[in-house]
């Protein structure tokens, strides 16, 4: 029983660390994608507004 209790916190720490890592990776990915989309949107808007 003691061994199980000793193992549990480290597994929880690992899960927490893993989830934080995944969240950070997703944030980075979403940030890059939104930056690309904003660039594309700005380019399209410039192209649409250029004739006027």
PDB file of N, CA and C in Angstrom:
ATOM      1  N   UNK A   1       0.837  -1.200   0.000  1.00  0.00           N
ATOM      2  CA  UNK A   1       0.000   0.000   0.000  1.00  0.00           C
ATOM      3  C   UNK A   1       0.878   1.259   0.000  1.00  0.00           C
ATOM      4  N   UNK A   2       1.928   1.260   0.828  1.00  0.00           N
ATOM      5  CA  UNK A   2       2.800   2.428   0.905  1.00  0.00           C
ATOM      6  C   UNK A   2       3.464   2.702  -0.451  1.00  0.00           C
ATOM      7  N   UNK A   3       3.866   1.634  -1.119  1.00  0.00           N
ATOM      8  CA  UNK A   3       4.519   1.818  -2.421  1.00  0.00           C
ATOM      9  C   UNK A   3       3.543   2.484  -3.388  1.00  0.00           C
ATOM     10  N   UNK A   4       2.295   2.041  -3.366  1.00  0.00           N
ATOM     11  CA  UNK A   4       1.294   2.625  -4.245  1.00  0.00           C
ATOM     12  C   UNK A   4       1.132   4.119  -3.944  1.00  0.00           C
ATOM     13  N   UNK A   5       1.092   4.458  -2.645  1.00  0.00           N
ATOM     14  CA  UNK A   5       0.930   5.868  -2.276  1.00  0.00           C
ATOM     15  C   UNK A   5       2.151   6.685  -2.691  1.00  0.00           C
ATOM     16  N   UNK A   6       3.301   6.051  -2.657  1.00  0.00           N
ATOM     17  CA  UNK A   6       4.520   6.769  -3.068  1.00  0.00           C
ATOM     18  C   UNK A   6       4.539   6.978  -4.590  1.00  0.00           C
ATOM     19  N   UNK A   7       3.999   6.016  -5.322  1.00  0.00           N
ATOM     20  CA  UNK A   7       4.008   6.134  -6.773  1.00  0.00           C
ATOM     21  C   UNK A   7       2.984   7.151  -7.267  1.00  0.00           C
ATOM     22  N   UNK A   8       1.884   7.272  -6.564  1.00  0.00           N
ATOM     23  CA  UNK A   8       0.768   8.070  -7.063  1.00  0.00           C
ATOM     24  C   UNK A   8       1.123   9.541  -7.294  1.00  0.00           C
ATOM     25  N   UNK A   9       1.760  10.223  -6.325  1.00  0.00           N
ATOM     26  CA  UNK A   9       2.039  11.646  -6.545  1.00  0.00           C
ATOM     27  C   UNK A   9       2.923  11.903  -7.762  1.00  0.00           C
ATOM     28  N   UNK A  10       3.934  11.062  -7.972  1.00  0.00           N
ATOM     29  CA  UNK A  10       4.821  11.273  -9.113  1.00  0.00           C
ATOM     30  C   UNK A  10       4.042  11.103 -10.421  1.00  0.00           C
ATOM     31  N   UNK A  11       3.133  10.135 -10.448  1.00  0.00           N
ATOM     32  CA  UNK A  11       2.312   9.955 -11.647  1.00  0.00           C
ATOM     33  C   UNK A  11       1.415  11.176 -11.853  1.00  0.00           C
ATOM     34  N   UNK A  12       0.854  11.694 -10.753  1.00  0.00           N
ATOM     35  CA  UNK A  12       0.036  12.899 -10.870  1.00  0.00           C
ATOM     36  C   UNK A  12       0.866  14.060 -11.386  1.00  0.00           C
ATOM     37  N   UNK A  13       2.092  14.222 -10.840  1.00  0.00           N
ATOM     38  CA  UNK A  13       2.970  15.287 -11.305  1.00  0.00           C
ATOM     39  C   UNK A  13       3.253  15.123 -12.788  1.00  0.00           C
ATOM     40  N   UNK A  14       3.503  13.888 -13.198  1.00  0.00           N
ATOM     41  CA  UNK A  14       3.794  13.637 -14.613  1.00  0.00           C
ATOM     42  C   UNK A  14       2.582  13.991 -15.475  1.00  0.00           C
ATOM     43  N   UNK A  15       1.389  13.601 -15.026  1.00  0.00           N
ATOM     44  CA  UNK A  15       0.177  13.916 -15.791  1.00  0.00           C
ATOM     45  C   UNK A  15      -0.020  15.425 -15.881  1.00  0.00           C
ATOM     46  N   UNK A  16       0.204  16.108 -14.746  1.00  0.00           N
ATOM     47  CA  UNK A  16       0.059  17.568 -14.739  1.00  0.00           C
ATOM     48  C   UNK A  16       1.065  18.185 -15.703  1.00  0.00           C
ATOM     49  N   UNK A  17       2.328  17.731 -15.624  1.00  0.00           N
ATOM     50  CA  UNK A  17       3.366  18.257 -16.499  1.00  0.00           C
ATOM     51  C   UNK A  17       3.029  17.992 -17.962  1.00  0.00           C
ATOM     52  N   UNK A  18       2.540  16.777 -18.229  1.00  0.00           N
ATOM     53  CA  UNK A  18       2.207  16.409 -19.602  1.00  0.00           C
ATOM     54  C   UNK A  18       1.068  17.279 -20.126  1.00  0.00           C
ATOM     55  N   UNK A  19       0.034  17.468 -19.302  1.00  0.00           N
ATOM     56  CA  UNK A  19      -1.096  18.284 -19.742  1.00  0.00           C
ATOM     57  C   UNK A  19      -0.658  19.730 -19.968  1.00  0.00           C
ATOM     58  N   UNK A  20       0.201  20.248 -19.073  1.00  0.00           N
ATOM     59  CA  UNK A  20       0.709  21.610 -19.263  1.00  0.00           C
ATOM     60  C   UNK A  20       1.506  21.699 -20.564  1.00  0.00           C
ATOM     61  N   UNK A  21       2.330  20.691 -20.827  1.00  0.00           N
ATOM     62  CA  UNK A  21       3.128  20.679 -22.051  1.00  0.00           C
ATOM     63  C   UNK A  21       2.216  20.658 -23.277  1.00  0.00           C
ATOM     64  N   UNK A  22       1.168  19.825 -23.234  1.00  0.00           N
ATOM     65  CA  UNK A  22       0.245  19.724 -24.364  1.00  0.00           C
ATOM     66  C   UNK A  22      -0.476  21.057 -24.567  1.00  0.00           C
ATOM     67  N   UNK A  23      -0.941  21.651 -23.456  1.00  0.00           N
ATOM     68  CA  UNK A  23      -1.645  22.937 -23.551  1.00  0.00           C
ATOM     69  C   UNK A  23      -0.727  23.992 -24.163  1.00  0.00           C
ATOM     70  N   UNK A  24       0.538  24.018 -23.736  1.00  0.00           N
ATOM     71  CA  UNK A  24       1.488  25.000 -24.264  1.00  0.00           C
ATOM     72  C   UNK A  24       1.727  24.768 -25.759  1.00  0.00           C
ATOM     73  N   UNK A  25       1.866  23.491 -26.143  1.00  0.00           N
ATOM     74  CA  UNK A  25       2.075  23.176 -27.559  1.00  0.00           C
ATOM     75  C   UNK A  25       0.864  23.613 -28.390  1.00  0.00           C
ATOM     76  N   UNK A  26      -0.341  23.351 -27.877  1.00  0.00           N
ATOM     77  CA  UNK A  26      -1.561  23.746 -28.595  1.00  0.00           C
ATOM     78  C   UNK A  26      -1.625  25.266 -28.705  1.00  0.00           C
ATOM     79  N   UNK A  27      -1.276  25.972 -27.608  1.00  0.00           N
ATOM     80  CA  UNK A  27      -1.262  27.435 -27.648  1.00  0.00           C
ATOM     81  C   UNK A  27      -0.311  27.939 -28.728  1.00  0.00           C
ATOM     82  N   UNK A  28       0.901  27.366 -28.763  1.00  0.00           N
ATOM     83  CA  UNK A  28       1.887  27.777 -29.763  1.00  0.00           C
ATOM     84  C   UNK A  28       1.337  27.532 -31.172  1.00  0.00           C
ATOM     85  N   UNK A  29       0.749  26.354 -31.380  1.00  0.00           N
ATOM     86  CA  UNK A  29       0.222  25.997 -32.701  1.00  0.00           C
ATOM     87  C   UNK A  29      -0.896  26.954 -33.106  1.00  0.00           C
ATOM     88  N   UNK A  30      -1.830  27.197 -32.164  1.00  0.00           N
ATOM     89  CA  UNK A  30      -2.958  28.077 -32.468  1.00  0.00           C
ATOM     90  C   UNK A  30      -2.457  29.496 -32.741  1.00  0.00           C
ATOM     91  N   UNK A  31      -1.453  29.926 -31.965  1.00  0.00           N
ATOM     92  CA  UNK A  31      -0.902  31.260 -32.186  1.00  0.00           C
ATOM     93  C   UNK A  31      -0.293  31.392 -33.576  1.00  0.00           C
ATOM     94  N   UNK A  32       0.465  30.377 -33.992  1.00  0.00           N
ATOM     95  CA  UNK A  32       1.065  30.411 -35.324  1.00  0.00           C
ATOM     96  C   UNK A  32      -0.021  30.406 -36.399  1.00  0.00           C
ATOM     97  N   UNK A  33      -1.027  29.540 -36.224  1.00  0.00           N
ATOM     98  CA  UNK A  33      -2.087  29.453 -37.219  1.00  0.00           C
ATOM     99  C   UNK A  33      -2.850  30.763 -37.314  1.00  0.00           C
ATOM    100  N   UNK A  34      -3.182  31.377 -36.162  1.00  0.00           N
ATOM    101  CA  UNK A  34      -3.941  32.627 -36.185  1.00  0.00           C
ATOM    102  C   UNK A  34      -3.096  33.738 -36.794  1.00  0.00           C
ATOM    103  N   UNK A  35      -1.782  33.728 -36.526  1.00  0.00           N
ATOM    104  CA  UNK A  35      -0.900  34.731 -37.132  1.00  0.00           C
ATOM    105  C   UNK A  35      -0.891  34.563 -38.651  1.00  0.00           C
ATOM    106  N   UNK A  36      -0.811  33.320 -39.117  1.00  0.00           N
ATOM    107  CA  UNK A  36      -0.850  33.075 -40.560  1.00  0.00           C
ATOM    108  C   UNK A  36      -2.178  33.552 -41.142  1.00  0.00           C
ATOM    109  N   UNK A  37      -3.283  33.212 -40.474  1.00  0.00           N
ATOM    110  CA  UNK A  37      -4.591  33.606 -40.965  1.00  0.00           C
ATOM    111  C   UNK A  37      -4.719  35.126 -40.984  1.00  0.00           C
ATOM    112  N   UNK A  38      -4.185  35.807 -39.955  1.00  0.00           N
ATOM    113  CA  UNK A  38      -4.255  37.261 -39.933  1.00  0.00           C
ATOM    114  C   UNK A  38      -3.458  37.856 -41.083  1.00  0.00           C
ATOM    115  N   UNK A  39      -2.274  37.281 -41.356  1.00  0.00           N
ATOM    116  CA  UNK A  39      -1.475  37.753 -42.489  1.00  0.00           C
ATOM    117  C   UNK A  39      -2.249  37.576 -43.794  1.00  0.00           C
ATOM    118  N   UNK A  40      -2.840  36.403 -43.957  1.00  0.00           N
ATOM    119  CA  UNK A  40      -3.602  36.117 -45.182  1.00  0.00           C
ATOM    120  C   UNK A  40      -4.794  37.066 -45.276  1.00  0.00           C
ATOM    121  N   UNK A  41      -5.469  37.281 -44.144  1.00  0.00           N
ATOM    122  CA  UNK A  41      -6.631  38.166 -44.141  1.00  0.00           C
ATOM    123  C   UNK A  41      -6.213  39.584 -44.516  1.00  0.00           C
ATOM    124  N   UNK A  42      -5.071  40.032 -43.964  1.00  0.00           N
ATOM    125  CA  UNK A  42      -4.577  41.374 -44.277  1.00  0.00           C
ATOM    126  C   UNK A  42      -4.233  41.478 -45.761  1.00  0.00           C
ATOM    127  N   UNK A  43      -3.613  40.430 -46.308  1.00  0.00           N
ATOM    128  CA  UNK A  43      -3.260  40.438 -47.727  1.00  0.00           C
ATOM    129  C   UNK A  43      -4.508  40.486 -48.590  1.00  0.00           C
ATOM    130  N   UNK A  44      -5.500  39.665 -48.238  1.00  0.00           N
ATOM    131  CA  UNK A  44      -6.750  39.637 -49.016  1.00  0.00           C
ATOM    132  C   UNK A  44      -7.450  40.986 -48.916  1.00  0.00           C
ATOM    133  N   UNK A  45      -7.491  41.559 -47.718  1.00  0.00           N
ATOM    134  CA  UNK A  45      -8.162  42.848 -47.539  1.00  0.00           C
ATOM    135  C   UNK A  45      -7.460  43.934 -48.346  1.00  0.00           C
ATOM    136  N   UNK A  46      -6.099  43.883 -48.347  1.00  0.00           N
ATOM    137  CA  UNK A  46      -5.335  44.862 -49.114  1.00  0.00           C
ATOM    138  C   UNK A  46      -5.641  44.696 -50.601  1.00  0.00           C
ATOM    139  N   UNK A  47      -5.714  43.438 -51.052  1.00  0.00           N
ATOM    140  CA  UNK A  47      -5.983  43.182 -52.466  1.00  0.00           C
ATOM    141  C   UNK A  47      -7.396  43.655 -52.841  1.00  0.00           C
ATOM    142  N   UNK A  48      -8.350  43.463 -51.913  1.00  0.00           N
ATOM    143  CA  UNK A  48      -9.724  43.876 -52.198  1.00  0.00           C
ATOM    144  C   UNK A  48      -9.867  45.391 -52.154  1.00  0.00           C
ATOM    145  N   UNK A  49      -9.126  46.037 -51.259  1.00  0.00           N
ATOM    146  CA  UNK A  49      -9.249  47.490 -51.117  1.00  0.00           C
ATOM    147  C   UNK A  49      -8.380  48.247 -52.119  1.00  0.00           C
ATOM    148  N   UNK A  50      -7.430  47.560 -52.744  1.00  0.00           N
ATOM    149  CA  UNK A  50      -6.507  48.250 -53.660  1.00  0.00           C
ATOM    150  C   UNK A  50      -7.242  48.947 -54.812  1.00  0.00           C
ATOM    151  N   UNK A  51      -8.218  48.292 -55.489  1.00  0.00           N
ATOM    152  CA  UNK A  51      -8.874  48.965 -56.629  1.00  0.00           C
ATOM    153  C   UNK A  51      -9.599  50.244 -56.221  1.00  0.00           C
ATOM    154  N   UNK A  52     -10.105  50.274 -54.962  1.00  0.00           N
ATOM    155  CA  UNK A  52     -10.847  51.469 -54.555  1.00  0.00           C
ATOM    156  C   UNK A  52      -9.853  52.542 -54.178  1.00  0.00           C
TER     157      UNK A  52
END
